[in-house]
C-alpha atoms as a PDB file:
ATOM      1  CA  MET A   1      16.659   4.766  10.219  1.00  0.00           C
ATOM      2  CA  THR A   2      14.993   6.097   7.388  1.00  0.00           C
ATOM      3  CA  GLU A   3      17.708   8.595   6.566  1.00  0.00           C
ATOM      4  CA  LEU A   4      20.253   5.890   6.841  1.00  0.00           C
ATOM      5  CA  VAL A   5      18.510   3.728   4.158  1.00  0.00           C
ATOM      6  CA  GLN A   6      17.787   6.864   1.973  1.00  0.00           C
ATOM      7  CA  GLY A   7      21.513   7.861   2.371  1.00  0.00           C
ATOM      8  CA  ILE A   8      22.490   4.079   1.228  1.00  0.00           C
ATOM      9  CA  GLY A   9      20.362   4.296  -1.643  1.00  0.00           C
ATOM     10  CA  ALA A  10      21.763   7.705  -2.763  1.00  0.00           C
ATOM     11  CA  ILE A  11      25.258   6.201  -2.631  1.00  0.00           C
ATOM     12  CA  MET A  12      23.868   3.237  -4.375  1.00  0.00           C
ATOM     13  CA  ASP A  13      22.762   5.593  -7.198  1.00  0.00           C
ATOM     14  CA  GLU A  14      25.829   7.799  -7.365  1.00  0.00           C
ATOM     15  CA  ARG A  15      28.021   4.654  -8.035  1.00  0.00           C
ATOM     16  CA  ARG A  16      25.424   3.177 -10.473  1.00  0.00           C
ATOM     17  CA  LYS A  17      24.987  -0.040  -8.394  1.00  0.00           C
ATOM     18  CA  VAL A  18      21.525  -0.520  -8.866  1.00  0.00           C
ATOM     19  CA  ALA A  19      20.516  -2.613 -11.680  1.00  0.00           C
ATOM     20  CA  THR A  20      17.366  -4.556 -10.939  1.00  0.00           C
ATOM     21  CA  GLY A  21      16.913  -2.549  -7.672  1.00  0.00           C
ATOM     22  CA  GLU A  22      16.174  -5.702  -5.797  1.00  0.00           C
ATOM     23  CA  THR A  23      18.934  -5.216  -3.147  1.00  0.00           C
ATOM     24  CA  LYS A  24      17.873  -1.543  -2.905  1.00  0.00           C
ATOM     25  CA  ALA A  25      14.214  -2.305  -2.336  1.00  0.00           C
ATOM     26  CA  SER A  26      14.772  -5.145   0.053  1.00  0.00           C
ATOM     27  CA  MET A  27      16.512  -2.727   2.672  1.00  0.00           C
ATOM     28  CA  THR A  28      14.475  -3.075   6.133  1.00  0.00           C
ATOM     29  CA  THR A  29      15.241  -1.566   9.928  1.00  0.00           C
ATOM     30  CA  GLU A  30      14.507  -2.773  13.026  1.00  0.00           C
ATOM     31  CA  VAL A  31      14.747  -0.319  16.268  1.00  0.00           C
ATOM     32  CA  ASN A  32      14.368  -1.737  19.739  1.00  0.00           C
ATOM     33  CA  SER A  33      14.533   0.143  23.250  1.00  0.00           C
ATOM     34  CA  PHE A  34      15.193  -1.284  26.377  1.00  0.00           C
ATOM     35  CA  GLU A  35      14.062   0.159  29.464  1.00  0.00           C
ATOM     36  CA  ASN A  36      15.143   0.126  33.141  1.00  0.00           C
ATOM     37  CA  ILE A  37      12.905  -0.699  36.441  1.00  0.00           C
ATOM     38  CA  GLN A  38      11.211   2.533  36.318  1.00  0.00           C
ATOM     39  CA  GLY A  39      10.179   2.137  32.560  1.00  0.00           C
ATOM     40  CA  GLN A  40      12.653   4.733  31.105  1.00  0.00           C
ATOM     41  CA  THR A  41      14.474   4.008  27.919  1.00  0.00           C
ATOM     42  CA  PHE A  42      17.913   2.601  29.036  1.00  0.00           C
ATOM     43  CA  GLY A  43      19.125   1.571  25.385  1.00  0.00           C
ATOM     44  CA  ILE A  44      18.496   1.352  21.863  1.00  0.00           C
ATOM     45  CA  THR A  45      19.553  -1.083  19.358  1.00  0.00           C
ATOM     46  CA  ALA A  46      19.118  -0.859  15.568  1.00  0.00           C
ATOM     47  CA  ARG A  47      19.303  -3.279  12.632  1.00  0.00           C
ATOM     48  CA  LEU A  48      19.738  -2.502   8.897  1.00  0.00           C
ATOM     49  CA  SER A  49      18.977  -5.680   6.756  1.00  0.00           C
ATOM     50  CA  ALA A  50      19.066  -6.401   3.227  1.00  0.00           C
ATOM     51  CA  ASN A  51      19.125  -9.435   0.683  1.00  0.00           C
ATOM     52  CA  ALA A  52      21.812 -11.747   0.294  1.00  0.00           C
ATOM     53  CA  ASN A  53      23.342  -9.314  -2.698  1.00  0.00           C
ATOM     54  CA  TRP A  54      24.292  -6.620  -0.175  1.00  0.00           C
ATOM     55  CA  LYS A  55      28.031  -7.763   0.650  1.00  0.00           C
ATOM     56  CA  TRP A  56      29.007  -7.504  -3.181  1.00  0.00           C
ATOM     57  CA  VAL A  57      27.479  -3.995  -3.771  1.00  0.00           C
ATOM     58  CA  GLY A  58      30.365  -1.891  -3.754  1.00  0.00           C
ATOM     59  CA  ASN A  59      33.587  -3.885  -2.858  1.00  0.00           C
ATOM     60  CA  GLY A  60      32.587  -6.697  -5.241  1.00  0.00           C
ATOM     61  CA  ARG A  61      33.487 -10.386  -5.145  1.00  0.00           C
ATOM     62  CA  GLY A  62      36.939 -11.750  -5.146  1.00  0.00           C
ATOM     63  CA  PRO A  63      38.084 -14.618  -7.519  1.00  0.00           C
ATOM     64  CA  GLY A  64      37.110 -18.193  -6.799  1.00  0.00           C
ATOM     65  CA  GLY A  65      34.173 -20.034  -7.387  1.00  0.00           C
ATOM     66  CA  MET A  66      31.780 -18.900 -10.060  1.00  0.00           C
ATOM     67  CA  PRO A  67      28.904 -16.664  -8.904  1.00  0.00           C
ATOM     68  CA  PRO A  68      25.348 -17.752  -9.833  1.00  0.00           C
ATOM     69  CA  VAL A  69      24.646 -17.270 -13.582  1.00  0.00           C
ATOM     70  CA  ALA A  70      21.061 -16.598 -13.244  1.00  0.00           C
ATOM     71  CA  ASN A  71      21.560 -13.554 -11.049  1.00  0.00           C
ATOM     72  CA  ILE A  72      24.472 -12.165 -13.628  1.00  0.00           C
ATOM     73  CA  GLN A  73      21.633 -12.559 -16.295  1.00  0.00           C
ATOM     74  CA  ARG A  74      19.202 -10.699 -14.326  1.00  0.00           C
ATOM     75  CA  TRP A  75      21.715  -7.754 -14.119  1.00  0.00           C
ATOM     76  CA  ILE A  76      22.559  -8.233 -17.844  1.00  0.00           C
ATOM     77  CA  ASP A  77      18.636  -7.809 -18.613  1.00  0.00           C
ATOM     78  CA  ALA A  78      18.194  -5.016 -16.207  1.00  0.00           C
ATOM     79  CA  LYS A  79      21.217  -2.795 -17.718  1.00  0.00           C
ATOM     80  CA  GLY A  80      20.033  -3.717 -21.235  1.00  0.00           C
ATOM     81  CA  LEU A  81      23.386  -5.484 -22.433  1.00  0.00           C
ATOM     82  CA  SER A  82      24.141  -8.297 -24.721  1.00  0.00           C
ATOM     83  CA  LEU A  83      26.789 -10.357 -22.947  1.00  0.00           C
ATOM     84  CA  SER A  84      26.603 -14.099 -22.131  1.00  0.00           C
ATOM     85  CA  ALA A  85      25.967 -14.568 -18.391  1.00  0.00           C
ATOM     86  CA  TRP A  86      27.972 -17.501 -18.277  1.00  0.00           C
ATOM     87  CA  ALA A  87      31.198 -15.938 -19.825  1.00  0.00           C
ATOM     88  CA  VAL A  88      30.612 -13.023 -17.303  1.00  0.00           C
ATOM     89  CA  ALA A  89      30.556 -15.438 -14.236  1.00  0.00           C
ATOM     90  CA  LYS A  90      33.477 -17.065 -15.683  1.00  0.00           C
ATOM     91  CA  LYS A  91      35.354 -13.837 -15.895  1.00  0.00           C
ATOM     92  CA  ILE A  92      34.310 -13.047 -12.069  1.00  0.00           C
ATOM     93  CA  GLY A  93      35.264 -16.505 -10.804  1.00  0.00           C
ATOM     94  CA  LYS A  94      38.713 -16.099 -12.634  1.00  0.00           C
ATOM     95  CA  LYS A  95      39.306 -12.444 -11.881  1.00  0.00           C
ATOM     96  CA  GLY A  96      36.709 -11.195  -9.757  1.00  0.00           C
ATOM     97  CA  THR A  97      34.712  -8.080  -9.965  1.00  0.00           C
ATOM     98  CA  VAL A  98      35.959  -4.677 -11.304  1.00  0.00           C
ATOM     99  CA  ASP A  99      34.812  -3.123  -7.585  1.00  0.00           C
ATOM    100  CA  TYR A 100      37.054  -6.113  -6.105  1.00  0.00           C
ATOM    101  CA  ARG A 101      40.072  -5.261  -8.295  1.00  0.00           C
ATOM    102  CA  GLU A 102      39.808  -1.574  -7.911  1.00  0.00           C
ATOM    103  CA  LYS A 103      39.303  -2.481  -3.795  1.00  0.00           C
ATOM    104  CA  ARG A 104      36.339  -0.046  -3.823  1.00  0.00           C
ATOM    105  CA  THR A 105      34.607   0.142  -0.284  1.00  0.00           C
ATOM    106  CA  ASN A 106      31.242  -1.268   0.299  1.00  0.00           C
ATOM    107  CA  VAL A 107      28.296   1.169  -0.254  1.00  0.00           C
ATOM    108  CA  PHE A 108      26.453  -0.209   3.037  1.00  0.00           C
ATOM    109  CA  GLU A 109      29.524   0.504   5.340  1.00  0.00           C
ATOM    110  CA  ASP A 110      30.145   3.854   3.563  1.00  0.00           C
ATOM    111  CA  GLY A 111      26.536   4.667   4.052  1.00  0.00           C
ATOM    112  CA  ILE A 112      26.505   3.464   7.556  1.00  0.00           C
ATOM    113  CA  ALA A 113      29.647   5.565   8.343  1.00  0.00           C
ATOM    114  CA  GLU A 114      28.221   8.849   6.835  1.00  0.00           C
ATOM    115  CA  TRP A 115      24.718   8.536   8.686  1.00  0.00           C
ATOM    116  CA  GLN A 116      26.815   8.133  11.926  1.00  0.00           C
ATOM    117  CA  SER A 117      28.653  11.135  11.358  1.00  0.00           C
ATOM    118  CA  ASN A 118      25.405  13.262  11.090  1.00  0.00           C
ATOM    119  CA  THR A 119      25.029  16.083  13.550  1.00  0.00           C
ATOM    120  CA  ASN A 120      21.663  15.330  14.441  1.00  0.00           C
ATOM    121  CA  LEU A 121      22.723  11.457  15.202  1.00  0.00           C
ATOM    122  CA  ILE A 122      25.211  12.552  17.512  1.00  0.00           C
ATOM    123  CA  ALA A 123      22.873  14.984  19.311  1.00  0.00           C
ATOM    124  CA  ALA A 124      20.207  12.183  19.618  1.00  0.00           C
ATOM    125  CA  ALA A 125      22.891   9.915  20.939  1.00  0.00           C
ATOM    126  CA  GLU A 126      24.155  12.390  23.441  1.00  0.00           C
ATOM    127  CA  GLY A 127      20.742  13.136  24.589  1.00  0.00           C
ATOM    128  CA  ILE A 128      20.007   9.416  24.684  1.00  0.00           C
ATOM    129  CA  ALA A 129      23.145   9.461  27.025  1.00  0.00           C
ATOM    130  CA  ASP A 130      22.332  12.216  29.292  1.00  0.00           C
ATOM    131  CA  SER A 131      18.985  10.218  29.866  1.00  0.00           C
ATOM    132  CA  ILE A 132      20.869   7.189  30.568  1.00  0.00           C
ATOM    133  CA  GLY A 133      23.249   8.614  32.915  1.00  0.00           C
ATOM    134  CA  ASP A 134      20.514  10.289  34.679  1.00  0.00           C
ATOM    135  CA  THR A 135      18.553   7.095  34.958  1.00  0.00           C
ATOM    136  CA  VAL A 136      21.819   5.171  36.232  1.00  0.00           C
ATOM    137  CA  VAL A 137      22.469   8.048  38.894  1.00  0.00           C
ATOM    138  CA  VAL A 138      18.704   7.473  40.251  1.00  0.00           C
ATOM    139  CA  ASP A 139      18.876   4.023  40.115  1.00  0.00           C
ATOM    140  CA  LEU A 140      22.095   4.006  42.237  1.00  0.00           C
ATOM    141  CA  GLN A 141      20.748   6.313  44.537  1.00  0.00           C
ATOM    142  CA  THR A 142      17.363   4.480  45.101  1.00  0.00           C
ATOM    143  CA  ALA A 143      19.866   1.128  45.588  1.00  0.00           C
ATOM    144  CA  LEU A 144      22.297   2.591  48.072  1.00  0.00           C
ATOM    145  CA  ARG A 145      19.210   4.099  50.440  1.00  0.00           C
END
């Protein structure tokens, strides 16, 4: 999961999607495993979380209501720009962000897809699947006796 967070962070950096760093710094992961009757690992779930801005990073925001002006002001300050936060918010509300208009993909989705295609992850998943399969066979044999 550390590799996933690092990969998403690298994509954010490559696409210049880090202004204040709050969204990048907010990423956390949680991994849980489930055991069968014999105490062997039967399944694993993983969860990636980030602050509420994650959904706007990469694919942007479509036209509609104005985004929060305070957030845009923090972005302007972090980038060192001399813009009116209210004017930027008004334009986003009217036309959407550049990422939205250019139909860019979300950096989180791209990072997850890249991470899932990693050969180490595939090998680990296959190993877990083999272990689960063996466990299921043993459980079935025990139950049928």
